[in-house]
């Protein structure tokens, strides 16, 4: 037994003949005999074309069931998708957000170090940046929705504080 683990020979010819066959060679001979019995000549041991066709039919059937279920929904689908922003809204959101980040970046990198000498330049850049960032969310959600969101009961004090600080800075 030790010889089997170490890979050496045990000295017994009968055992050596028995041990000469490996698991892989046994499997290959079994697979070859099965293929000969069943007449299968594929590489994988099963009909790959019919398996792919069956998978395609399953996916197509599932897709048809799901799309039929979506088409049969009542008018709620239109109302659910009406809150999704359009491509144009995303473009405006990106532009306003980029402009806001740019102005805030300029305020902190150029005018914060010299704030003692030119505080109005820092205030203008920072306020413009904050205004553009808030404007980007107005562009994304729409003015009515954003105003309703900002003026809700739990957010109203923060909204008033933000607007007051922006006006006070100018």
N, C-alpha and C. Protein backbone atom coordinates (compact mmCIF):
# COMPACT_ATOMS: atom_id res chain seq x y z
N UNK A 1 0.82 -1.19 0.00
CA UNK A 1 0.00 0.00 0.00
C UNK A 1 0.86 1.25 0.00
N UNK A 2 1.97 1.21 0.77
CA UNK A 2 2.86 2.36 0.81
C UNK A 2 3.44 2.65 -0.57
N UNK A 3 3.70 1.64 -1.31
CA UNK A 3 4.25 1.81 -2.64
C UNK A 3 3.27 2.51 -3.56
N UNK A 4 2.00 2.25 -3.36
CA UNK A 4 0.97 2.92 -4.18
C UNK A 4 0.98 4.42 -3.93
N UNK A 5 1.08 4.84 -2.64
CA UNK A 5 1.09 6.26 -2.31
C UNK A 5 2.37 6.94 -2.77
N UNK A 6 3.48 6.23 -2.68
CA UNK A 6 4.76 6.84 -3.06
C UNK A 6 5.01 6.74 -4.55
N UNK A 7 4.23 5.97 -5.23
CA UNK A 7 4.39 5.86 -6.68
C UNK A 7 5.38 4.78 -7.09
N UNK A 8 5.97 4.07 -6.14
CA UNK A 8 6.94 3.03 -6.44
C UNK A 8 6.25 1.71 -6.71
N UNK A 9 7.07 0.66 -7.00
CA UNK A 9 6.48 -0.65 -7.25
C UNK A 9 6.49 -1.45 -5.95
N UNK A 10 5.54 -2.34 -5.83
CA UNK A 10 5.44 -3.14 -4.62
C UNK A 10 6.21 -4.45 -4.76
N UNK A 11 6.64 -4.76 -5.94
CA UNK A 11 7.41 -5.99 -6.14
C UNK A 11 6.54 -7.14 -6.57
N UNK A 12 5.26 -7.13 -6.32
CA UNK A 12 4.35 -8.20 -6.66
C UNK A 12 3.80 -7.92 -8.06
N UNK A 13 4.06 -8.81 -9.00
CA UNK A 13 3.67 -8.59 -10.38
C UNK A 13 2.15 -8.60 -10.56
N UNK A 14 1.45 -9.43 -9.81
CA UNK A 14 -0.01 -9.51 -9.95
C UNK A 14 -0.64 -8.19 -9.50
N UNK A 15 -0.15 -7.64 -8.36
CA UNK A 15 -0.66 -6.36 -7.89
C UNK A 15 -0.28 -5.26 -8.85
N UNK A 16 0.91 -5.34 -9.41
CA UNK A 16 1.37 -4.30 -10.32
C UNK A 16 0.50 -4.25 -11.57
N UNK A 17 0.08 -5.38 -12.07
CA UNK A 17 -0.80 -5.42 -13.23
C UNK A 17 -2.15 -4.82 -12.90
N UNK A 18 -2.60 -5.07 -11.68
CA UNK A 18 -3.85 -4.51 -11.23
C UNK A 18 -3.75 -2.99 -11.09
N UNK A 19 -2.61 -2.54 -10.51
CA UNK A 19 -2.44 -1.12 -10.26
C UNK A 19 -2.04 -0.36 -11.51
N UNK A 20 -1.62 -1.03 -12.57
CA UNK A 20 -1.18 -0.38 -13.78
C UNK A 20 -2.27 0.44 -14.45
N UNK A 21 -3.52 0.06 -14.25
CA UNK A 21 -4.60 0.83 -14.86
C UNK A 21 -4.96 1.98 -13.94
N UNK A 22 -5.10 3.12 -14.52
CA UNK A 22 -5.44 4.31 -13.73
C UNK A 22 -6.93 4.59 -13.85
N UNK A 23 -7.39 5.50 -13.04
CA UNK A 23 -8.79 5.89 -13.07
C UNK A 23 -9.15 6.51 -14.41
N UNK A 24 -8.23 7.32 -14.95
CA UNK A 24 -8.48 7.96 -16.23
C UNK A 24 -8.59 6.95 -17.36
N UNK A 25 -7.71 5.98 -17.38
CA UNK A 25 -7.78 4.98 -18.45
C UNK A 25 -9.04 4.13 -18.30
N UNK A 26 -9.44 3.84 -17.05
CA UNK A 26 -10.69 3.09 -16.85
C UNK A 26 -11.88 3.91 -17.36
N UNK A 27 -11.89 5.21 -17.07
CA UNK A 27 -12.99 6.06 -17.51
C UNK A 27 -13.03 6.14 -19.03
N UNK A 28 -11.87 6.32 -19.66
CA UNK A 28 -11.83 6.40 -21.12
C UNK A 28 -12.32 5.11 -21.77
N UNK A 29 -11.95 3.98 -21.22
CA UNK A 29 -12.42 2.71 -21.81
C UNK A 29 -13.93 2.56 -21.59
N UNK A 30 -14.44 3.00 -20.41
CA UNK A 30 -15.87 2.94 -20.15
C UNK A 30 -16.63 3.86 -21.12
N UNK A 31 -16.13 5.09 -21.32
CA UNK A 31 -16.79 6.04 -22.20
C UNK A 31 -16.79 5.53 -23.64
N UNK A 32 -15.68 4.93 -24.06
CA UNK A 32 -15.60 4.40 -25.42
C UNK A 32 -16.60 3.25 -25.61
N UNK A 33 -16.75 2.39 -24.61
CA UNK A 33 -17.69 1.28 -24.74
C UNK A 33 -19.13 1.79 -24.77
N UNK A 34 -19.43 2.83 -23.98
CA UNK A 34 -20.77 3.41 -23.99
C UNK A 34 -21.08 4.05 -25.33
N UNK A 35 -20.10 4.78 -25.90
CA UNK A 35 -20.32 5.40 -27.20
C UNK A 35 -20.55 4.36 -28.27
N UNK A 36 -19.83 3.27 -28.19
CA UNK A 36 -19.99 2.21 -29.17
C UNK A 36 -21.37 1.57 -29.05
N UNK A 37 -21.86 1.41 -27.82
CA UNK A 37 -23.19 0.82 -27.62
C UNK A 37 -24.29 1.74 -28.13
N UNK A 38 -24.17 3.04 -27.83
CA UNK A 38 -25.25 3.96 -28.16
C UNK A 38 -25.08 4.64 -29.52
N UNK A 39 -23.92 4.53 -30.12
CA UNK A 39 -23.70 5.12 -31.42
C UNK A 39 -23.49 6.63 -31.36
N UNK A 40 -23.06 7.14 -30.22
CA UNK A 40 -22.83 8.58 -30.08
C UNK A 40 -21.42 8.88 -30.53
N UNK A 41 -21.29 9.88 -31.37
CA UNK A 41 -19.97 10.21 -31.91
C UNK A 41 -19.58 11.64 -31.56
N UNK A 42 -20.20 12.24 -30.58
CA UNK A 42 -19.86 13.61 -30.22
C UNK A 42 -18.67 13.62 -29.28
N UNK A 43 -18.03 14.74 -29.18
CA UNK A 43 -16.86 14.89 -28.33
C UNK A 43 -17.26 14.90 -26.85
N UNK A 44 -18.39 15.54 -26.53
CA UNK A 44 -18.78 15.74 -25.14
C UNK A 44 -19.59 14.58 -24.55
N UNK A 45 -20.02 13.64 -25.34
CA UNK A 45 -20.78 12.52 -24.83
C UNK A 45 -22.28 12.79 -24.84
N UNK A 46 -22.70 13.95 -25.34
CA UNK A 46 -24.12 14.24 -25.50
C UNK A 46 -24.29 15.11 -26.74
N UNK A 47 -25.50 15.19 -27.21
CA UNK A 47 -25.77 15.93 -28.44
C UNK A 47 -25.81 17.42 -28.12
N UNK A 48 -24.75 18.12 -28.46
CA UNK A 48 -24.60 19.54 -28.14
C UNK A 48 -25.62 20.39 -28.89
N UNK A 49 -25.92 20.03 -30.12
CA UNK A 49 -26.87 20.82 -30.92
C UNK A 49 -28.27 20.79 -30.32
N UNK A 50 -28.72 19.61 -29.92
CA UNK A 50 -30.06 19.53 -29.33
C UNK A 50 -30.11 20.20 -27.97
N UNK A 51 -29.01 20.17 -27.21
CA UNK A 51 -28.97 20.85 -25.92
C UNK A 51 -29.06 22.35 -26.11
N UNK A 52 -28.35 22.88 -27.11
CA UNK A 52 -28.41 24.33 -27.37
C UNK A 52 -29.80 24.72 -27.85
N UNK A 53 -30.41 23.90 -28.69
CA UNK A 53 -31.76 24.19 -29.19
C UNK A 53 -32.76 24.19 -28.03
N UNK A 54 -32.63 23.24 -27.12
CA UNK A 54 -33.52 23.16 -25.97
C UNK A 54 -33.35 24.37 -25.06
N UNK A 55 -32.10 24.78 -24.83
CA UNK A 55 -31.86 25.97 -24.00
C UNK A 55 -32.43 27.21 -24.66
N UNK A 56 -32.28 27.32 -25.97
CA UNK A 56 -32.82 28.47 -26.71
C UNK A 56 -34.34 28.50 -26.61
N UNK A 57 -34.98 27.35 -26.74
CA UNK A 57 -36.43 27.30 -26.62
C UNK A 57 -36.89 27.68 -25.22
N UNK A 58 -36.16 27.25 -24.21
CA UNK A 58 -36.51 27.59 -22.83
C UNK A 58 -36.40 29.09 -22.59
N UNK A 59 -35.31 29.69 -23.04
CA UNK A 59 -35.11 31.14 -22.86
C UNK A 59 -36.16 31.91 -23.63
N UNK A 60 -36.44 31.51 -24.86
CA UNK A 60 -37.44 32.20 -25.66
C UNK A 60 -38.82 32.09 -25.02
N UNK A 61 -39.16 30.92 -24.52
CA UNK A 61 -40.45 30.74 -23.87
C UNK A 61 -40.58 31.59 -22.62
N UNK A 62 -39.52 31.65 -21.83
CA UNK A 62 -39.53 32.48 -20.62
C UNK A 62 -39.67 33.95 -20.98
N UNK A 63 -38.94 34.40 -22.01
CA UNK A 63 -39.02 35.79 -22.43
C UNK A 63 -40.43 36.12 -22.92
N UNK A 64 -41.04 35.21 -23.66
CA UNK A 64 -42.40 35.46 -24.15
C UNK A 64 -43.40 35.57 -23.00
N UNK A 65 -43.25 34.73 -21.99
CA UNK A 65 -44.16 34.78 -20.83
C UNK A 65 -43.99 36.10 -20.10
N UNK A 66 -42.74 36.52 -19.87
CA UNK A 66 -42.48 37.77 -19.15
C UNK A 66 -42.98 38.96 -19.94
N UNK A 67 -42.69 39.01 -21.24
CA UNK A 67 -43.12 40.16 -22.03
C UNK A 67 -44.65 40.20 -22.16
N UNK A 68 -45.31 39.05 -22.22
CA UNK A 68 -46.77 39.04 -22.26
C UNK A 68 -47.32 39.57 -20.94
N UNK A 69 -46.69 39.19 -19.82
CA UNK A 69 -47.13 39.68 -18.52
C UNK A 69 -46.95 41.17 -18.39
N UNK A 70 -45.89 41.72 -18.96
CA UNK A 70 -45.65 43.16 -18.91
C UNK A 70 -46.66 43.89 -19.80
N UNK A 71 -46.97 43.33 -20.96
CA UNK A 71 -47.93 43.98 -21.84
C UNK A 71 -49.32 43.99 -21.25
N UNK A 72 -49.65 42.97 -20.44
CA UNK A 72 -50.98 42.87 -19.88
C UNK A 72 -51.18 43.68 -18.62
N UNK A 73 -50.14 44.38 -18.16
CA UNK A 73 -50.30 45.20 -16.97
C UNK A 73 -51.29 46.34 -17.24
N UNK A 74 -52.02 46.76 -16.24
CA UNK A 74 -52.90 47.90 -16.45
C UNK A 74 -52.10 49.19 -16.58
N UNK A 75 -52.78 50.33 -16.59
CA UNK A 75 -52.15 51.62 -16.82
C UNK A 75 -51.07 51.99 -15.84
N UNK A 76 -50.80 51.19 -14.82
CA UNK A 76 -49.77 51.49 -13.85
C UNK A 76 -48.37 51.50 -14.45
N UNK A 77 -48.17 50.78 -15.55
CA UNK A 77 -46.85 50.74 -16.16
C UNK A 77 -46.45 52.12 -16.65
N UNK A 78 -47.36 52.83 -17.29
CA UNK A 78 -47.05 54.17 -17.78
C UNK A 78 -46.73 55.10 -16.63
N UNK A 79 -47.50 55.02 -15.56
CA UNK A 79 -47.23 55.90 -14.43
C UNK A 79 -45.93 55.53 -13.73
N UNK A 80 -45.56 54.25 -13.76
CA UNK A 80 -44.31 53.83 -13.13
C UNK A 80 -43.11 54.30 -13.93
N UNK A 81 -43.21 54.31 -15.25
CA UNK A 81 -42.08 54.72 -16.07
C UNK A 81 -42.06 56.21 -16.32
N UNK A 82 -43.09 56.94 -15.94
CA UNK A 82 -43.10 58.37 -16.20
C UNK A 82 -42.12 59.11 -15.30
N UNK A 83 -41.72 58.52 -14.18
CA UNK A 83 -40.78 59.19 -13.28
C UNK A 83 -39.32 58.93 -13.67
N UNK A 84 -39.09 58.10 -14.66
CA UNK A 84 -37.74 57.83 -15.12
C UNK A 84 -37.29 59.01 -15.98
N UNK A 85 -36.13 59.62 -15.66
CA UNK A 85 -35.67 60.78 -16.43
C UNK A 85 -35.32 60.41 -17.86
N UNK A 86 -35.50 61.38 -18.74
CA UNK A 86 -35.16 61.14 -20.15
C UNK A 86 -33.66 61.32 -20.36
N UNK A 87 -33.22 61.01 -21.56
CA UNK A 87 -31.81 61.18 -21.89
C UNK A 87 -31.39 62.64 -21.84
N UNK A 88 -32.29 63.51 -22.26
CA UNK A 88 -32.00 64.94 -22.23
C UNK A 88 -31.83 65.42 -20.79
N UNK A 89 -32.66 64.91 -19.88
CA UNK A 89 -32.54 65.28 -18.46
C UNK A 89 -31.21 64.83 -17.90
N UNK A 90 -30.74 63.65 -18.30
CA UNK A 90 -29.45 63.17 -17.83
C UNK A 90 -28.31 64.04 -18.35
N UNK A 91 -28.44 64.50 -19.59
CA UNK A 91 -27.40 65.37 -20.15
C UNK A 91 -27.34 66.68 -19.38
N UNK A 92 -28.50 67.29 -19.13
CA UNK A 92 -28.52 68.53 -18.36
C UNK A 92 -28.01 68.31 -16.94
N UNK A 93 -28.41 67.20 -16.34
CA UNK A 93 -27.92 66.86 -15.01
C UNK A 93 -26.40 66.79 -15.00
N UNK A 94 -25.83 66.08 -15.96
CA UNK A 94 -24.38 65.95 -16.03
C UNK A 94 -23.68 67.28 -16.25
N UNK A 95 -24.24 68.11 -17.14
CA UNK A 95 -23.62 69.41 -17.41
C UNK A 95 -23.67 70.32 -16.18
N UNK A 96 -24.83 70.42 -15.55
CA UNK A 96 -24.95 71.27 -14.36
C UNK A 96 -24.08 70.74 -13.22
N UNK A 97 -24.06 69.44 -13.05
CA UNK A 97 -23.25 68.86 -11.98
C UNK A 97 -21.77 69.12 -12.23
N UNK A 98 -21.33 68.95 -13.48
CA UNK A 98 -19.92 69.21 -13.81
C UNK A 98 -19.57 70.67 -13.60
N UNK A 99 -20.47 71.58 -14.00
CA UNK A 99 -20.21 73.01 -13.78
C UNK A 99 -20.15 73.33 -12.29
N UNK A 100 -21.03 72.73 -11.51
CA UNK A 100 -21.03 72.95 -10.07
C UNK A 100 -19.76 72.45 -9.42
N UNK A 101 -19.34 71.26 -9.78
CA UNK A 101 -18.11 70.69 -9.23
C UNK A 101 -16.91 71.55 -9.64
N UNK A 102 -16.93 72.05 -10.88
CA UNK A 102 -15.85 72.91 -11.36
C UNK A 102 -15.75 74.18 -10.52
N UNK A 103 -16.88 74.85 -10.29
CA UNK A 103 -16.85 76.09 -9.52
C UNK A 103 -16.45 75.85 -8.06
N UNK A 104 -16.91 74.78 -7.46
CA UNK A 104 -16.51 74.47 -6.09
C UNK A 104 -15.01 74.15 -6.04
N UNK A 105 -14.53 73.42 -7.04
CA UNK A 105 -13.10 73.11 -7.12
C UNK A 105 -12.27 74.38 -7.26
N UNK A 106 -12.71 75.28 -8.12
CA UNK A 106 -12.00 76.55 -8.30
C UNK A 106 -12.02 77.36 -7.00
N UNK A 107 -13.16 77.37 -6.33
CA UNK A 107 -13.27 78.12 -5.08
C UNK A 107 -12.27 77.60 -4.05
N UNK A 108 -12.16 76.30 -3.93
CA UNK A 108 -11.27 75.75 -2.91
C UNK A 108 -9.80 75.77 -3.31
N UNK A 109 -9.49 75.60 -4.57
CA UNK A 109 -8.09 75.52 -4.96
C UNK A 109 -7.47 76.89 -5.23
N UNK A 110 -8.25 77.80 -5.82
CA UNK A 110 -7.66 79.10 -6.17
C UNK A 110 -7.94 80.19 -5.13
N UNK A 111 -9.16 80.21 -4.60
CA UNK A 111 -9.54 81.36 -3.79
C UNK A 111 -9.55 81.08 -2.29
N UNK A 112 -9.53 79.87 -1.85
CA UNK A 112 -9.45 79.60 -0.42
C UNK A 112 -8.11 80.02 0.17
N UNK A 113 -6.99 79.75 -0.53
CA UNK A 113 -5.71 80.19 0.03
C UNK A 113 -5.58 81.71 0.15
N UNK A 114 -6.26 82.47 -0.71
CA UNK A 114 -6.17 83.93 -0.68
C UNK A 114 -7.49 84.54 -0.21
N UNK A 115 -8.21 83.80 0.62
CA UNK A 115 -9.53 84.26 1.07
C UNK A 115 -9.44 85.56 1.87
N UNK A 116 -8.35 85.76 2.57
CA UNK A 116 -8.17 86.99 3.35
C UNK A 116 -8.09 88.19 2.41
N UNK A 117 -7.45 88.00 1.24
CA UNK A 117 -7.29 89.11 0.30
C UNK A 117 -8.53 89.32 -0.57
N UNK A 118 -9.16 88.22 -1.03
CA UNK A 118 -10.30 88.33 -1.94
C UNK A 118 -11.42 87.40 -1.50
N UNK A 119 -12.12 87.69 -0.44
CA UNK A 119 -13.18 86.79 0.02
C UNK A 119 -14.38 86.75 -0.92
N UNK A 120 -14.63 87.82 -1.66
CA UNK A 120 -15.79 87.85 -2.55
C UNK A 120 -15.64 86.86 -3.70
N UNK A 121 -14.41 86.62 -4.17
CA UNK A 121 -14.21 85.67 -5.27
C UNK A 121 -14.49 84.23 -4.79
N UNK A 122 -14.04 83.90 -3.59
CA UNK A 122 -14.35 82.59 -3.03
C UNK A 122 -15.86 82.43 -2.88
N UNK A 123 -16.51 83.45 -2.33
CA UNK A 123 -17.96 83.38 -2.09
C UNK A 123 -18.73 83.22 -3.39
N UNK A 124 -18.35 83.95 -4.41
CA UNK A 124 -19.05 83.86 -5.70
C UNK A 124 -18.87 82.47 -6.31
N UNK A 125 -17.64 81.98 -6.36
CA UNK A 125 -17.40 80.66 -6.96
C UNK A 125 -18.08 79.55 -6.17
N UNK A 126 -18.01 79.62 -4.84
CA UNK A 126 -18.62 78.58 -4.04
C UNK A 126 -20.14 78.61 -4.17
N UNK A 127 -20.74 79.80 -4.16
CA UNK A 127 -22.19 79.92 -4.28
C UNK A 127 -22.66 79.48 -5.67
N UNK A 128 -21.92 79.86 -6.70
CA UNK A 128 -22.28 79.40 -8.06
C UNK A 128 -22.19 77.88 -8.15
N UNK A 129 -21.15 77.30 -7.57
CA UNK A 129 -21.00 75.84 -7.59
C UNK A 129 -22.15 75.14 -6.90
N UNK A 130 -22.52 75.64 -5.71
CA UNK A 130 -23.65 75.04 -5.00
C UNK A 130 -24.94 75.21 -5.77
N UNK A 131 -25.13 76.38 -6.38
CA UNK A 131 -26.33 76.62 -7.18
C UNK A 131 -26.42 75.69 -8.38
N UNK A 132 -25.29 75.48 -9.05
CA UNK A 132 -25.29 74.55 -10.19
C UNK A 132 -25.56 73.12 -9.74
N UNK A 133 -25.01 72.71 -8.61
CA UNK A 133 -25.24 71.35 -8.12
C UNK A 133 -26.71 71.15 -7.78
N UNK A 134 -27.32 72.12 -7.09
CA UNK A 134 -28.76 72.02 -6.80
C UNK A 134 -29.56 72.07 -8.10
N UNK A 135 -29.13 72.92 -9.04
CA UNK A 135 -29.80 72.99 -10.34
C UNK A 135 -29.74 71.69 -11.11
N UNK A 136 -28.66 70.93 -10.93
CA UNK A 136 -28.56 69.65 -11.63
C UNK A 136 -29.65 68.69 -11.16
N UNK A 137 -29.98 68.74 -9.88
CA UNK A 137 -31.05 67.87 -9.38
C UNK A 137 -32.43 68.38 -9.83
N UNK A 138 -32.56 69.69 -10.00
CA UNK A 138 -33.79 70.22 -10.58
C UNK A 138 -33.94 69.72 -12.01
N UNK A 139 -32.85 69.67 -12.76
CA UNK A 139 -32.90 69.19 -14.14
C UNK A 139 -33.20 67.70 -14.20
N UNK A 140 -32.71 66.95 -13.22
CA UNK A 140 -32.91 65.50 -13.23
C UNK A 140 -34.32 65.11 -12.82
N UNK A 141 -34.83 65.70 -11.75
CA UNK A 141 -36.12 65.30 -11.21
C UNK A 141 -37.28 66.13 -11.72
N UNK A 142 -36.99 67.29 -12.28
CA UNK A 142 -38.03 68.21 -12.69
C UNK A 142 -38.26 69.24 -11.59
N UNK A 143 -38.60 70.46 -11.98
CA UNK A 143 -38.72 71.53 -10.98
C UNK A 143 -39.81 71.27 -9.94
N UNK A 144 -40.97 70.80 -10.37
CA UNK A 144 -42.07 70.55 -9.42
C UNK A 144 -41.69 69.48 -8.41
N UNK A 145 -41.16 68.37 -8.90
CA UNK A 145 -40.80 67.26 -8.00
C UNK A 145 -39.69 67.66 -7.04
N UNK A 146 -38.69 68.40 -7.54
CA UNK A 146 -37.59 68.79 -6.67
C UNK A 146 -38.05 69.80 -5.62
N UNK A 147 -38.88 70.75 -6.02
CA UNK A 147 -39.40 71.72 -5.04
C UNK A 147 -40.26 71.02 -3.99
N UNK A 148 -41.08 70.08 -4.43
CA UNK A 148 -41.90 69.34 -3.47
C UNK A 148 -41.02 68.53 -2.53
N UNK A 149 -39.94 67.98 -3.06
CA UNK A 149 -39.02 67.19 -2.25
C UNK A 149 -38.30 68.08 -1.23
N UNK A 150 -37.85 69.23 -1.67
CA UNK A 150 -37.10 70.12 -0.78
C UNK A 150 -37.98 70.82 0.25
N UNK A 151 -39.26 71.00 -0.08
CA UNK A 151 -40.14 71.71 0.84
C UNK A 151 -41.00 70.76 1.69
N UNK A 152 -40.65 69.48 1.70
CA UNK A 152 -41.37 68.56 2.57
C UNK A 152 -41.08 68.92 4.02
N UNK A 153 -41.95 68.48 4.89
CA UNK A 153 -41.90 68.90 6.30
C UNK A 153 -40.54 68.62 6.95
N UNK A 154 -39.98 67.46 6.71
CA UNK A 154 -38.72 67.12 7.38
C UNK A 154 -37.51 67.78 6.72
N UNK A 155 -37.61 68.27 5.48
CA UNK A 155 -36.47 68.88 4.80
C UNK A 155 -36.53 70.41 4.76
N UNK A 156 -37.67 70.98 5.08
CA UNK A 156 -37.85 72.43 4.94
C UNK A 156 -36.85 73.23 5.77
N UNK A 157 -36.55 72.89 7.01
CA UNK A 157 -35.55 73.70 7.75
C UNK A 157 -34.17 73.69 7.09
N UNK A 158 -33.77 72.55 6.55
CA UNK A 158 -32.47 72.47 5.89
C UNK A 158 -32.46 73.25 4.58
N UNK A 159 -33.56 73.19 3.85
CA UNK A 159 -33.66 73.95 2.61
C UNK A 159 -33.58 75.44 2.89
N UNK A 160 -34.33 75.91 3.87
CA UNK A 160 -34.30 77.33 4.21
C UNK A 160 -32.92 77.74 4.71
N UNK A 161 -32.27 76.91 5.49
CA UNK A 161 -30.92 77.21 5.95
C UNK A 161 -29.92 77.29 4.81
N UNK A 162 -30.03 76.38 3.84
CA UNK A 162 -29.13 76.38 2.70
C UNK A 162 -29.33 77.62 1.84
N UNK A 163 -30.59 77.91 1.52
CA UNK A 163 -30.88 79.09 0.69
C UNK A 163 -30.48 80.37 1.43
N UNK A 164 -30.77 80.42 2.74
CA UNK A 164 -30.38 81.59 3.53
C UNK A 164 -28.88 81.81 3.56
N UNK A 165 -28.11 80.71 3.67
CA UNK A 165 -26.65 80.86 3.69
C UNK A 165 -26.11 81.29 2.33
N UNK A 166 -26.74 80.81 1.25
CA UNK A 166 -26.31 81.23 -0.08
C UNK A 166 -26.60 82.71 -0.30
N UNK A 167 -27.79 83.18 0.10
CA UNK A 167 -28.15 84.59 -0.05
C UNK A 167 -27.28 85.45 0.87
N UNK A 168 -27.05 84.97 2.09
CA UNK A 168 -26.22 85.72 3.03
C UNK A 168 -24.78 85.84 2.57
N UNK A 169 -24.28 84.86 1.84
CA UNK A 169 -22.91 84.91 1.34
C UNK A 169 -22.76 85.98 0.27
N UNK A 170 -23.79 86.18 -0.51
CA UNK A 170 -23.72 87.18 -1.58
C UNK A 170 -23.87 88.55 -0.97
